[in-house]
Amino acid sequence: GHDAHYLTVTAQAYRWDTLWGEEGLTVTCGHRTVRAQFTPAGA
């Protein structure tokens, strides 16, 4: 979905490491981590 794609691309553009798993998207930059959850459709 759009939200999942937009958040992933934005994180990568700002050089965050991205990892998708069963729990959603995890992005890390240094000691900071953001974990985002989405619906199966990507909202």
PDB file of all heavy atoms in Angstrom:
ATOM      1  N   GLY A   1       0.800  -1.222   0.000  1.00  0.00           N
ATOM      2  CA  GLY A   1       0.000   0.000   0.000  1.00  0.00           C
ATOM      3  C   GLY A   1       0.833   1.272   0.000  1.00  0.00           C
ATOM      4  O   GLY A   1       2.039   1.268   0.243  1.00  0.00           O
ATOM      5  N   HIS A   2       0.150   2.388  -0.273  1.00  0.00           N
ATOM      6  CA  HIS A   2       0.798   3.696  -0.408  1.00  0.00           C
ATOM      7  C   HIS A   2       1.561   4.098   0.861  1.00  0.00           C
ATOM      8  O   HIS A   2       2.709   4.540   0.780  1.00  0.00           O
ATOM      9  CB  HIS A   2      -0.239   4.751  -0.769  1.00  0.00           C
ATOM     10  CG  HIS A   2       0.332   6.128  -0.846  1.00  0.00           C
ATOM     11  ND1 HIS A   2       1.130   6.543  -1.879  1.00  0.00           N
ATOM     12  CD2 HIS A   2       0.251   7.182   0.013  1.00  0.00           C
ATOM     13  CE1 HIS A   2       1.519   7.793  -1.671  1.00  0.00           C
ATOM     14  NE2 HIS A   2       1.000   8.204  -0.529  1.00  0.00           N
ATOM     15  N   ASP A   3       0.931   3.982   2.031  1.00  0.00           N
ATOM     16  CA  ASP A   3       1.593   4.407   3.272  1.00  0.00           C
ATOM     17  C   ASP A   3       2.876   3.620   3.510  1.00  0.00           C
ATOM     18  O   ASP A   3       3.919   4.191   3.842  1.00  0.00           O
ATOM     19  CB  ASP A   3       0.670   4.230   4.475  1.00  0.00           C
ATOM     20  CG  ASP A   3      -0.501   5.191   4.496  1.00  0.00           C
ATOM     21  OD1 ASP A   3      -0.516   6.144   3.685  1.00  0.00           O
ATOM     22  OD2 ASP A   3      -1.408   4.978   5.323  1.00  0.00           O
ATOM     23  N   ALA A   4       2.800   2.302   3.337  1.00  0.00           N
ATOM     24  CA  ALA A   4       3.973   1.445   3.557  1.00  0.00           C
ATOM     25  C   ALA A   4       5.090   1.811   2.585  1.00  0.00           C
ATOM     26  O   ALA A   4       6.251   1.913   2.971  1.00  0.00           O
ATOM     27  CB  ALA A   4       3.588  -0.025   3.400  1.00  0.00           C
ATOM     28  N   HIS A   5       4.732   2.023   1.334  1.00  0.00           N
ATOM     29  CA  HIS A   5       5.736   2.384   0.326  1.00  0.00           C
ATOM     30  C   HIS A   5       6.351   3.753   0.642  1.00  0.00           C
ATOM     31  O   HIS A   5       7.573   3.916   0.625  1.00  0.00           O
ATOM     32  CB  HIS A   5       5.099   2.394  -1.063  1.00  0.00           C
ATOM     33  CG  HIS A   5       6.027   2.858  -2.134  1.00  0.00           C
ATOM     34  ND1 HIS A   5       7.046   2.073  -2.624  1.00  0.00           N
ATOM     35  CD2 HIS A   5       6.104   4.035  -2.796  1.00  0.00           C
ATOM     36  CE1 HIS A   5       7.708   2.749  -3.544  1.00  0.00           C
ATOM     37  NE2 HIS A   5       7.156   3.937  -3.664  1.00  0.00           N
ATOM     38  N   TYR A   6       5.514   4.738   0.949  1.00  0.00           N
ATOM     39  CA  TYR A   6       5.991   6.097   1.198  1.00  0.00           C
ATOM     40  C   TYR A   6       6.919   6.149   2.413  1.00  0.00           C
ATOM     41  O   TYR A   6       7.975   6.794   2.367  1.00  0.00           O
ATOM     42  CB  TYR A   6       4.797   7.037   1.396  1.00  0.00           C
ATOM     43  CG  TYR A   6       5.197   8.488   1.461  1.00  0.00           C
ATOM     44  CD1 TYR A   6       5.542   9.167   0.290  1.00  0.00           C
ATOM     45  CD2 TYR A   6       5.249   9.174   2.663  1.00  0.00           C
ATOM     46  CE1 TYR A   6       5.933  10.509   0.334  1.00  0.00           C
ATOM     47  CE2 TYR A   6       5.632  10.505   2.710  1.00  0.00           C
ATOM     48  CZ  TYR A   6       5.972  11.159   1.548  1.00  0.00           C
ATOM     49  OH  TYR A   6       6.352  12.475   1.590  1.00  0.00           O
ATOM     50  N   LEU A   7       6.549   5.458   3.485  1.00  0.00           N
ATOM     51  CA  LEU A   7       7.390   5.468   4.681  1.00  0.00           C
ATOM     52  C   LEU A   7       8.724   4.768   4.416  1.00  0.00           C
ATOM     53  O   LEU A   7       9.769   5.248   4.846  1.00  0.00           O
ATOM     54  CB  LEU A   7       6.650   4.792   5.836  1.00  0.00           C
ATOM     55  CG  LEU A   7       6.957   5.304   7.224  1.00  0.00           C
ATOM     56  CD1 LEU A   7       6.639   6.787   7.361  1.00  0.00           C
ATOM     57  CD2 LEU A   7       6.182   4.519   8.251  1.00  0.00           C
ATOM     58  N   THR A   8       8.698   3.678   3.680  1.00  0.00           N
ATOM     59  CA  THR A   8       9.929   2.952   3.353  1.00  0.00           C
ATOM     60  C   THR A   8      10.855   3.808   2.505  1.00  0.00           C
ATOM     61  O   THR A   8      12.052   3.936   2.796  1.00  0.00           O
ATOM     62  CB  THR A   8       9.612   1.642   2.602  1.00  0.00           C
ATOM     63  OG1 THR A   8       8.758   0.837   3.414  1.00  0.00           O
ATOM     64  CG2 THR A   8      10.868   0.871   2.278  1.00  0.00           C
ATOM     65  N   VAL A   9      10.334   4.412   1.456  1.00  0.00           N
ATOM     66  CA  VAL A   9      11.141   5.229   0.549  1.00  0.00           C
ATOM     67  C   VAL A   9      11.694   6.458   1.265  1.00  0.00           C
ATOM     68  O   VAL A   9      12.852   6.824   1.085  1.00  0.00           O
ATOM     69  CB  VAL A   9      10.322   5.626  -0.702  1.00  0.00           C
ATOM     70  CG1 VAL A   9      11.033   6.666  -1.537  1.00  0.00           C
ATOM     71  CG2 VAL A   9      10.016   4.390  -1.535  1.00  0.00           C
ATOM     72  N   THR A  10      10.880   7.082   2.111  1.00  0.00           N
ATOM     73  CA  THR A  10      11.346   8.247   2.862  1.00  0.00           C
ATOM     74  C   THR A  10      12.478   7.852   3.809  1.00  0.00           C
ATOM     75  O   THR A  10      13.502   8.543   3.879  1.00  0.00           O
ATOM     76  CB  THR A  10      10.193   8.892   3.652  1.00  0.00           C
ATOM     77  OG1 THR A  10       9.164   9.284   2.731  1.00  0.00           O
ATOM     78  CG2 THR A  10      10.662  10.100   4.438  1.00  0.00           C
ATOM     79  N   ALA A  11      12.317   6.751   4.518  1.00  0.00           N
ATOM     80  CA  ALA A  11      13.367   6.292   5.430  1.00  0.00           C
ATOM     81  C   ALA A  11      14.663   6.027   4.665  1.00  0.00           C
ATOM     82  O   ALA A  11      15.743   6.446   5.092  1.00  0.00           O
ATOM     83  CB  ALA A  11      12.913   5.035   6.159  1.00  0.00           C
ATOM     84  N   GLN A  12      14.570   5.363   3.543  1.00  0.00           N
ATOM     85  CA  GLN A  12      15.762   5.060   2.754  1.00  0.00           C
ATOM     86  C   GLN A  12      16.406   6.331   2.193  1.00  0.00           C
ATOM     87  O   GLN A  12      17.626   6.437   2.150  1.00  0.00           O
ATOM     88  CB  GLN A  12      15.414   4.081   1.641  1.00  0.00           C
ATOM     89  CG  GLN A  12      15.073   2.710   2.171  1.00  0.00           C
ATOM     90  CD  GLN A  12      14.482   1.781   1.130  1.00  0.00           C
ATOM     91  OE1 GLN A  12      14.016   2.212   0.077  1.00  0.00           O
ATOM     92  NE2 GLN A  12      14.484   0.488   1.432  1.00  0.00           N
ATOM     93  N   ALA A  13      15.595   7.303   1.813  1.00  0.00           N
ATOM     94  CA  ALA A  13      16.130   8.558   1.276  1.00  0.00           C
ATOM     95  C   ALA A  13      16.953   9.309   2.322  1.00  0.00           C
ATOM     96  O   ALA A  13      17.941   9.957   1.993  1.00  0.00           O
ATOM     97  CB  ALA A  13      14.996   9.455   0.767  1.00  0.00           C
ATOM     98  N   TYR A  14      16.533   9.198   3.579  1.00  0.00           N
ATOM     99  CA  TYR A  14      17.257   9.862   4.668  1.00  0.00           C
ATOM    100  C   TYR A  14      18.252   8.924   5.344  1.00  0.00           C
ATOM    101  O   TYR A  14      18.679   9.164   6.466  1.00  0.00           O
ATOM    102  CB  TYR A  14      16.267  10.454   5.680  1.00  0.00           C
ATOM    103  CG  TYR A  14      15.622  11.704   5.149  1.00  0.00           C
ATOM    104  CD1 TYR A  14      14.431  11.643   4.431  1.00  0.00           C
ATOM    105  CD2 TYR A  14      16.213  12.951   5.326  1.00  0.00           C
ATOM    106  CE1 TYR A  14      13.841  12.786   3.919  1.00  0.00           C
ATOM    107  CE2 TYR A  14      15.632  14.095   4.822  1.00  0.00           C
ATOM    108  CZ  TYR A  14      14.444  14.006   4.112  1.00  0.00           C
ATOM    109  OH  TYR A  14      13.856  15.128   3.601  1.00  0.00           O
ATOM    110  N   ARG A  15      18.603   7.865   4.643  1.00  0.00           N
ATOM    111  CA  ARG A  15      19.642   6.906   5.035  1.00  0.00           C
ATOM    112  C   ARG A  15      19.365   6.156   6.333  1.00  0.00           C
ATOM    113  O   ARG A  15      20.282   5.850   7.094  1.00  0.00           O
ATOM    114  CB  ARG A  15      21.001   7.586   5.073  1.00  0.00           C
ATOM    115  CG  ARG A  15      21.405   8.116   3.710  1.00  0.00           C
ATOM    116  CD  ARG A  15      22.841   8.585   3.714  1.00  0.00           C
ATOM    117  NE  ARG A  15      23.193   9.114   2.409  1.00  0.00           N
ATOM    118  CZ  ARG A  15      23.448  10.381   2.174  1.00  0.00           C
ATOM    119  NH1 ARG A  15      23.430  11.256   3.144  1.00  0.00           N
ATOM    120  NH2 ARG A  15      23.757  10.778   0.955  1.00  0.00           N
ATOM    121  N   TRP A  16      18.105   5.860   6.583  1.00  0.00           N
ATOM    122  CA  TRP A  16      17.752   4.960   7.666  1.00  0.00           C
ATOM    123  C   TRP A  16      17.835   3.540   7.114  1.00  0.00           C
ATOM    124  O   TRP A  16      17.508   3.293   5.955  1.00  0.00           O
ATOM    125  CB  TRP A  16      16.328   5.220   8.145  1.00  0.00           C
ATOM    126  CG  TRP A  16      16.127   6.509   8.892  1.00  0.00           C
ATOM    127  CD1 TRP A  16      16.111   7.762   8.357  1.00  0.00           C
ATOM    128  CD2 TRP A  16      15.890   6.666  10.279  1.00  0.00           C
ATOM    129  NE1 TRP A  16      15.884   8.682   9.338  1.00  0.00           N
ATOM    130  CE2 TRP A  16      15.742   8.037  10.522  1.00  0.00           C
ATOM    131  CE3 TRP A  16      15.788   5.773  11.330  1.00  0.00           C
ATOM    132  CZ2 TRP A  16      15.495   8.542  11.793  1.00  0.00           C
ATOM    133  CZ3 TRP A  16      15.529   6.269  12.597  1.00  0.00           C
ATOM    134  CH2 TRP A  16      15.389   7.653  12.818  1.00  0.00           C
ATOM    135  N   ASP A  17      18.267   2.596   7.931  1.00  0.00           N
ATOM    136  CA  ASP A  17      18.239   1.181   7.548  1.00  0.00           C
ATOM    137  C   ASP A  17      16.814   0.678   7.718  1.00  0.00           C
ATOM    138  O   ASP A  17      16.178   0.956   8.744  1.00  0.00           O
ATOM    139  CB  ASP A  17      19.182   0.355   8.419  1.00  0.00           C
ATOM    140  CG  ASP A  17      20.644   0.727   8.201  1.00  0.00           C
ATOM    141  OD1 ASP A  17      21.016   1.021   7.046  1.00  0.00           O
ATOM    142  OD2 ASP A  17      21.397   0.730   9.187  1.00  0.00           O
ATOM    143  N   THR A  18      16.288  -0.027   6.728  1.00  0.00           N
ATOM    144  CA  THR A  18      14.911  -0.507   6.775  1.00  0.00           C
ATOM    145  C   THR A  18      14.879  -2.031   6.771  1.00  0.00           C
ATOM    146  O   THR A  18      15.671  -2.679   6.088  1.00  0.00           O
ATOM    147  CB  THR A  18      14.092   0.008   5.579  1.00  0.00           C
ATOM    148  OG1 THR A  18      14.695  -0.433   4.368  1.00  0.00           O
ATOM    149  CG2 THR A  18      14.021   1.529   5.570  1.00  0.00           C
ATOM    150  N   LEU A  19      13.945  -2.575   7.528  1.00  0.00           N
ATOM    151  CA  LEU A  19      13.755  -4.019   7.577  1.00  0.00           C
ATOM    152  C   LEU A  19      12.276  -4.317   7.770  1.00  0.00           C
ATOM    153  O   LEU A  19      11.670  -3.859   8.744  1.00  0.00           O
ATOM    154  CB  LEU A  19      14.562  -4.641   8.720  1.00  0.00           C
ATOM    155  CG  LEU A  19      14.381  -6.145   8.912  1.00  0.00           C
ATOM    156  CD1 LEU A  19      14.924  -6.914   7.703  1.00  0.00           C
ATOM    157  CD2 LEU A  19      15.046  -6.602  10.190  1.00  0.00           C
ATOM    158  N   TRP A  20      11.722  -5.060   6.830  1.00  0.00           N
ATOM    159  CA  TRP A  20      10.337  -5.500   6.941  1.00  0.00           C
ATOM    160  C   TRP A  20      10.297  -6.878   7.567  1.00  0.00           C
ATOM    161  O   TRP A  20      11.088  -7.751   7.232  1.00  0.00           O
ATOM    162  CB  TRP A  20       9.675  -5.546   5.562  1.00  0.00           C
ATOM    163  CG  TRP A  20       9.167  -4.216   5.150  1.00  0.00           C
ATOM    164  CD1 TRP A  20       9.798  -3.307   4.358  1.00  0.00           C
ATOM    165  CD2 TRP A  20       7.937  -3.628   5.535  1.00  0.00           C
ATOM    166  NE1 TRP A  20       9.035  -2.179   4.228  1.00  0.00           N
ATOM    167  CE2 TRP A  20       7.877  -2.353   4.942  1.00  0.00           C
ATOM    168  CE3 TRP A  20       6.874  -4.043   6.326  1.00  0.00           C
ATOM    169  CZ2 TRP A  20       6.795  -1.503   5.105  1.00  0.00           C
ATOM    170  CZ3 TRP A  20       5.795  -3.197   6.487  1.00  0.00           C
ATOM    171  CH2 TRP A  20       5.777  -1.933   5.880  1.00  0.00           C
ATOM    172  N   GLY A  21       9.363  -7.083   8.473  1.00  0.00           N
ATOM    173  CA  GLY A  21       9.155  -8.377   9.113  1.00  0.00           C
ATOM    174  C   GLY A  21       7.676  -8.567   9.391  1.00  0.00           C
ATOM    175  O   GLY A  21       6.842  -7.739   9.001  1.00  0.00           O
ATOM    176  N   GLU A  22       7.356  -9.634  10.077  1.00  0.00           N
ATOM    177  CA  GLU A  22       5.954  -9.932  10.373  1.00  0.00           C
ATOM    178  C   GLU A  22       5.300  -8.859  11.230  1.00  0.00           C
ATOM    179  O   GLU A  22       4.087  -8.659  11.166  1.00  0.00           O
ATOM    180  CB  GLU A  22       5.847 -11.289  11.049  1.00  0.00           C
ATOM    181  CG  GLU A  22       6.158 -12.447  10.119  1.00  0.00           C
ATOM    182  CD  GLU A  22       5.951 -13.791  10.776  1.00  0.00           C
ATOM    183  OE1 GLU A  22       5.210 -13.861  11.777  1.00  0.00           O
ATOM    184  OE2 GLU A  22       6.536 -14.761  10.282  1.00  0.00           O
ATOM    185  N   GLU A  23       6.080  -8.167  12.034  1.00  0.00           N
ATOM    186  CA  GLU A  23       5.545  -7.130  12.916  1.00  0.00           C
ATOM    187  C   GLU A  23       5.419  -5.773  12.229  1.00  0.00           C
ATOM    188  O   GLU A  23       4.932  -4.823  12.826  1.00  0.00           O
ATOM    189  CB  GLU A  23       6.426  -6.995  14.159  1.00  0.00           C
ATOM    190  CG  GLU A  23       6.466  -8.247  15.004  1.00  0.00           C
ATOM    191  CD  GLU A  23       5.107  -8.587  15.597  1.00  0.00           C
ATOM    192  OE1 GLU A  23       4.416  -7.662  16.063  1.00  0.00           O
ATOM    193  OE2 GLU A  23       4.744  -9.771  15.591  1.00  0.00           O
ATOM    194  N   GLY A  24       5.911  -5.639  11.012  1.00  0.00           N
ATOM    195  CA  GLY A  24       5.842  -4.371  10.301  1.00  0.00           C
ATOM    196  C   GLY A  24       7.215  -3.893   9.865  1.00  0.00           C
ATOM    197  O   GLY A  24       8.121  -4.685   9.625  1.00  0.00           O
ATOM    198  N   LEU A  25       7.380  -2.582   9.804  1.00  0.00           N
ATOM    199  CA  LEU A  25       8.621  -1.959   9.351  1.00  0.00           C
ATOM    200  C   LEU A  25       9.434  -1.476  10.547  1.00  0.00           C
ATOM    201  O   LEU A  25       8.917  -0.783  11.427  1.00  0.00           O
ATOM    202  CB  LEU A  25       8.297  -0.763   8.452  1.00  0.00           C
ATOM    203  CG  LEU A  25       9.459   0.103   7.985  1.00  0.00           C
ATOM    204  CD1 LEU A  25      10.420  -0.694   7.097  1.00  0.00           C
ATOM    205  CD2 LEU A  25       8.943   1.335   7.250  1.00  0.00           C
ATOM    206  N   THR A  26      10.711  -1.838  10.562  1.00  0.00           N
ATOM    207  CA  THR A  26      11.644  -1.331  11.563  1.00  0.00           C
ATOM    208  C   THR A  26      12.695  -0.516  10.825  1.00  0.00           C
ATOM    209  O   THR A  26      13.295  -1.002   9.868  1.00  0.00           O
ATOM    210  CB  THR A  26      12.319  -2.472  12.333  1.00  0.00           C
ATOM    211  OG1 THR A  26      11.313  -3.240  12.991  1.00  0.00           O
ATOM    212  CG2 THR A  26      13.297  -1.926  13.371  1.00  0.00           C
ATOM    213  N   VAL A  27      12.883   0.735  11.240  1.00  0.00           N
ATOM    214  CA  VAL A  27      13.916   1.574  10.636  1.00  0.00           C
ATOM    215  C   VAL A  27      14.863   2.029  11.740  1.00  0.00           C
ATOM    216  O   VAL A  27      14.432   2.345  12.849  1.00  0.00           O
ATOM    217  CB  VAL A  27      13.336   2.787   9.864  1.00  0.00           C
ATOM    218  CG1 VAL A  27      12.511   2.320   8.689  1.00  0.00           C
ATOM    219  CG2 VAL A  27      12.499   3.673  10.740  1.00  0.00           C
ATOM    220  N   THR A  28      16.158   2.019  11.446  1.00  0.00           N
ATOM    221  CA  THR A  28      17.146   2.424  12.433  1.00  0.00           C
ATOM    222  C   THR A  28      18.137   3.404  11.826  1.00  0.00           C
ATOM    223  O   THR A  28      18.473   3.329  10.650  1.00  0.00           O
ATOM    224  CB  THR A  28      17.925   1.217  12.987  1.00  0.00           C
ATOM    225  OG1 THR A  28      18.521   0.523  11.902  1.00  0.00           O
ATOM    226  CG2 THR A  28      17.029   0.279  13.757  1.00  0.00           C
ATOM    227  N   CYS A  29      18.580   4.324  12.668  1.00  0.00           N
ATOM    228  CA  CYS A  29      19.613   5.288  12.304  1.00  0.00           C
ATOM    229  C   CYS A  29      20.373   5.584  13.585  1.00  0.00           C
ATOM    230  O   CYS A  29      19.831   6.213  14.500  1.00  0.00           O
ATOM    231  CB  CYS A  29      18.995   6.551  11.713  1.00  0.00           C
ATOM    232  SG  CYS A  29      20.193   7.744  11.102  1.00  0.00           S
ATOM    233  N   GLY A  30      21.598   5.083  13.656  1.00  0.00           N
ATOM    234  CA  GLY A  30      22.365   5.232  14.895  1.00  0.00           C
ATOM    235  C   GLY A  30      21.689   4.462  16.010  1.00  0.00           C
ATOM    236  O   GLY A  30      21.352   3.293  15.858  1.00  0.00           O
ATOM    237  N   HIS A  31      21.442   5.124  17.133  1.00  0.00           N
ATOM    238  CA  HIS A  31      20.818   4.477  18.287  1.00  0.00           C
ATOM    239  C   HIS A  31      19.306   4.663  18.303  1.00  0.00           C
ATOM    240  O   HIS A  31      18.653   4.279  19.272  1.00  0.00           O
ATOM    241  CB  HIS A  31      21.401   5.027  19.591  1.00  0.00           C
ATOM    242  CG  HIS A  31      22.860   4.754  19.735  1.00  0.00           C
ATOM    243  ND1 HIS A  31      23.350   3.489  19.947  1.00  0.00           N
ATOM    244  CD2 HIS A  31      23.937   5.565  19.669  1.00  0.00           C
ATOM    245  CE1 HIS A  31      24.663   3.526  20.016  1.00  0.00           C
ATOM    246  NE2 HIS A  31      25.053   4.796  19.856  1.00  0.00           N
ATOM    247  N   ARG A  32      18.750   5.239  17.256  1.00  0.00           N
ATOM    248  CA  ARG A  32      17.318   5.515  17.210  1.00  0.00           C
ATOM    249  C   ARG A  32      16.625   4.462  16.346  1.00  0.00           C
ATOM    250  O   ARG A  32      17.090   4.126  15.265  1.00  0.00           O
ATOM    251  CB  ARG A  32      17.092   6.916  16.642  1.00  0.00           C
ATOM    252  CG  ARG A  32      15.682   7.384  16.748  1.00  0.00           C
ATOM    253  CD  ARG A  32      15.587   8.860  16.427  1.00  0.00           C
ATOM    254  NE  ARG A  32      16.044   9.656  17.576  1.00  0.00           N
ATOM    255  CZ  ARG A  32      17.162  10.378  17.591  1.00  0.00           C
ATOM    256  NH1 ARG A  32      17.935  10.444  16.561  1.00  0.00           N
ATOM    257  NH2 ARG A  32      17.491  11.073  18.657  1.00  0.00           N
ATOM    258  N   THR A  33      15.494   3.960  16.817  1.00  0.00           N
ATOM    259  CA  THR A  33      14.712   2.957  16.089  1.00  0.00           C
ATOM    260  C   THR A  33      13.254   3.376  16.053  1.00  0.00           C
ATOM    261  O   THR A  33      12.698   3.821  17.058  1.00  0.00           O
ATOM    262  CB  THR A  33      14.813   1.577  16.782  1.00  0.00           C
ATOM    263  OG1 THR A  33      16.180   1.185  16.818  1.00  0.00           O
ATOM    264  CG2 THR A  33      14.015   0.531  16.040  1.00  0.00           C
ATOM    265  N   VAL A  34      12.636   3.234  14.885  1.00  0.00           N
ATOM    266  CA  VAL A  34      11.206   3.471  14.720  1.00  0.00           C
ATOM    267  C   VAL A  34      10.598   2.164  14.233  1.00  0.00           C
ATOM    268  O   VAL A  34      11.100   1.562  13.285  1.00  0.00           O
ATOM    269  CB  VAL A  34      10.916   4.594  13.701  1.00  0.00           C
ATOM    270  CG1 VAL A  34       9.413   4.772  13.515  1.00  0.00           C
ATOM    271  CG2 VAL A  34      11.564   5.900  14.125  1.00  0.00           C
ATOM    272  N   ARG A  35       9.524   1.735  14.899  1.00  0.00           N
ATOM    273  CA  ARG A  35       8.802   0.537  14.485  1.00  0.00           C
ATOM    274  C   ARG A  35       7.391   0.950  14.102  1.00  0.00           C
ATOM    275  O   ARG A  35       6.668   1.516  14.924  1.00  0.00           O
ATOM    276  CB  ARG A  35       8.783  -0.489  15.609  1.00  0.00           C
ATOM    277  CG  ARG A  35      10.134  -1.088  15.881  1.00  0.00           C
ATOM    278  CD  ARG A  35      10.090  -2.117  17.015  1.00  0.00           C
ATOM    279  NE  ARG A  35      11.403  -2.696  17.232  1.00  0.00           N
ATOM    280  CZ  ARG A  35      12.333  -2.173  18.006  1.00  0.00           C
ATOM    281  NH1 ARG A  35      12.111  -1.042  18.627  1.00  0.00           N
ATOM    282  NH2 ARG A  35      13.518  -2.754  18.140  1.00  0.00           N
ATOM    283  N   ALA A  36       7.023   0.651  12.854  1.00  0.00           N
ATOM    284  CA  ALA A  36       5.708   1.038  12.340  1.00  0.00           C
ATOM    285  C   ALA A  36       4.909  -0.203  11.968  1.00  0.00           C
ATOM    286  O   ALA A  36       5.454  -1.163  11.424  1.00  0.00           O
ATOM    287  CB  ALA A  36       5.863   1.939  11.119  1.00  0.00           C
ATOM    288  N   GLN A  37       3.616  -0.151  12.254  1.00  0.00           N
ATOM    289  CA  GLN A  37       2.714  -1.236  11.899  1.00  0.00           C
ATOM    290  C   GLN A  37       1.732  -0.751  10.842  1.00  0.00           C
ATOM    291  O   GLN A  37       1.327   0.423  10.845  1.00  0.00           O
ATOM    292  CB  GLN A  37       1.954  -1.726  13.128  1.00  0.00           C
ATOM    293  CG  GLN A  37       2.850  -2.344  14.174  1.00  0.00           C
ATOM    294  CD  GLN A  37       2.076  -2.758  15.410  1.00  0.00           C
ATOM    295  OE1 GLN A  37       0.946  -2.348  15.621  1.00  0.00           O
ATOM    296  NE2 GLN A  37       2.692  -3.579  16.233  1.00  0.00           N
ATOM    297  N   PHE A  38       1.363  -1.670   9.965  1.00  0.00           N
ATOM    298  CA  PHE A  38       0.470  -1.367   8.853  1.00  0.00           C
ATOM    299  C   PHE A  38      -0.609  -2.432   8.751  1.00  0.00           C
ATOM    300  O   PHE A  38      -0.427  -3.548   9.231  1.00  0.00           O
ATOM    301  CB  PHE A  38       1.268  -1.346   7.535  1.00  0.00           C
ATOM    302  CG  PHE A  38       2.345  -0.307   7.502  1.00  0.00           C
ATOM    303  CD1 PHE A  38       3.592  -0.556   8.052  1.00  0.00           C
ATOM    304  CD2 PHE A  38       2.116   0.932   6.934  1.00  0.00           C
ATOM    305  CE1 PHE A  38       4.590   0.393   8.051  1.00  0.00           C
ATOM    306  CE2 PHE A  38       3.107   1.900   6.923  1.00  0.00           C
ATOM    307  CZ  PHE A  38       4.343   1.634   7.478  1.00  0.00           C
ATOM    308  N   THR A  39      -1.709  -2.094   8.097  1.00  0.00           N
ATOM    309  CA  THR A  39      -2.723  -3.098   7.789  1.00  0.00           C
ATOM    310  C   THR A  39      -2.156  -4.010   6.704  1.00  0.00           C
ATOM    311  O   THR A  39      -1.159  -3.654   6.055  1.00  0.00           O
ATOM    312  CB  THR A  39      -4.008  -2.447   7.257  1.00  0.00           C
ATOM    313  OG1 THR A  39      -3.735  -1.841   5.990  1.00  0.00           O
ATOM    314  CG2 THR A  39      -4.571  -1.410   8.234  1.00  0.00           C
ATOM    315  N   PRO A  40      -2.763  -5.160   6.467  1.00  0.00           N
ATOM    316  CA  PRO A  40      -2.285  -6.028   5.387  1.00  0.00           C
ATOM    317  C   PRO A  40      -2.273  -5.330   4.020  1.00  0.00           C
ATOM    318  O   PRO A  40      -1.474  -5.658   3.154  1.00  0.00           O
ATOM    319  CB  PRO A  40      -3.271  -7.199   5.401  1.00  0.00           C
ATOM    320  CG  PRO A  40      -3.730  -7.265   6.825  1.00  0.00           C
ATOM    321  CD  PRO A  40      -3.802  -5.814   7.261  1.00  0.00           C
ATOM    322  N   ALA A  41      -3.129  -4.317   3.855  1.00  0.00           N
ATOM    323  CA  ALA A  41      -3.176  -3.571   2.592  1.00  0.00           C
ATOM    324  C   ALA A  41      -2.129  -2.460   2.538  1.00  0.00           C
ATOM    325  O   ALA A  41      -1.993  -1.785   1.522  1.00  0.00           O
ATOM    326  CB  ALA A  41      -4.562  -2.972   2.392  1.00  0.00           C
ATOM    327  N   GLY A  42      -1.394  -2.248   3.633  1.00  0.00           N
ATOM    328  CA  GLY A  42      -0.328  -1.255   3.636  1.00  0.00           C
ATOM    329  C   GLY A  42      -0.691   0.093   4.205  1.00  0.00           C
ATOM    330  O   GLY A  42       0.091   1.030   4.119  1.00  0.00           O
ATOM    331  N   ALA A  43      -1.870   0.228   4.818  1.00  0.00           N
ATOM    332  CA  ALA A  43      -2.249   1.496   5.449  1.00  0.00           C
ATOM    333  C   ALA A  43      -1.575   1.603   6.819  1.00  0.00           C
ATOM    334  O   ALA A  43      -1.532   0.641   7.586  1.00  0.00           O
ATOM    335  CB  ALA A  43      -3.760   1.586   5.600  1.00  0.00           C
TER     336      ALA A  43
END
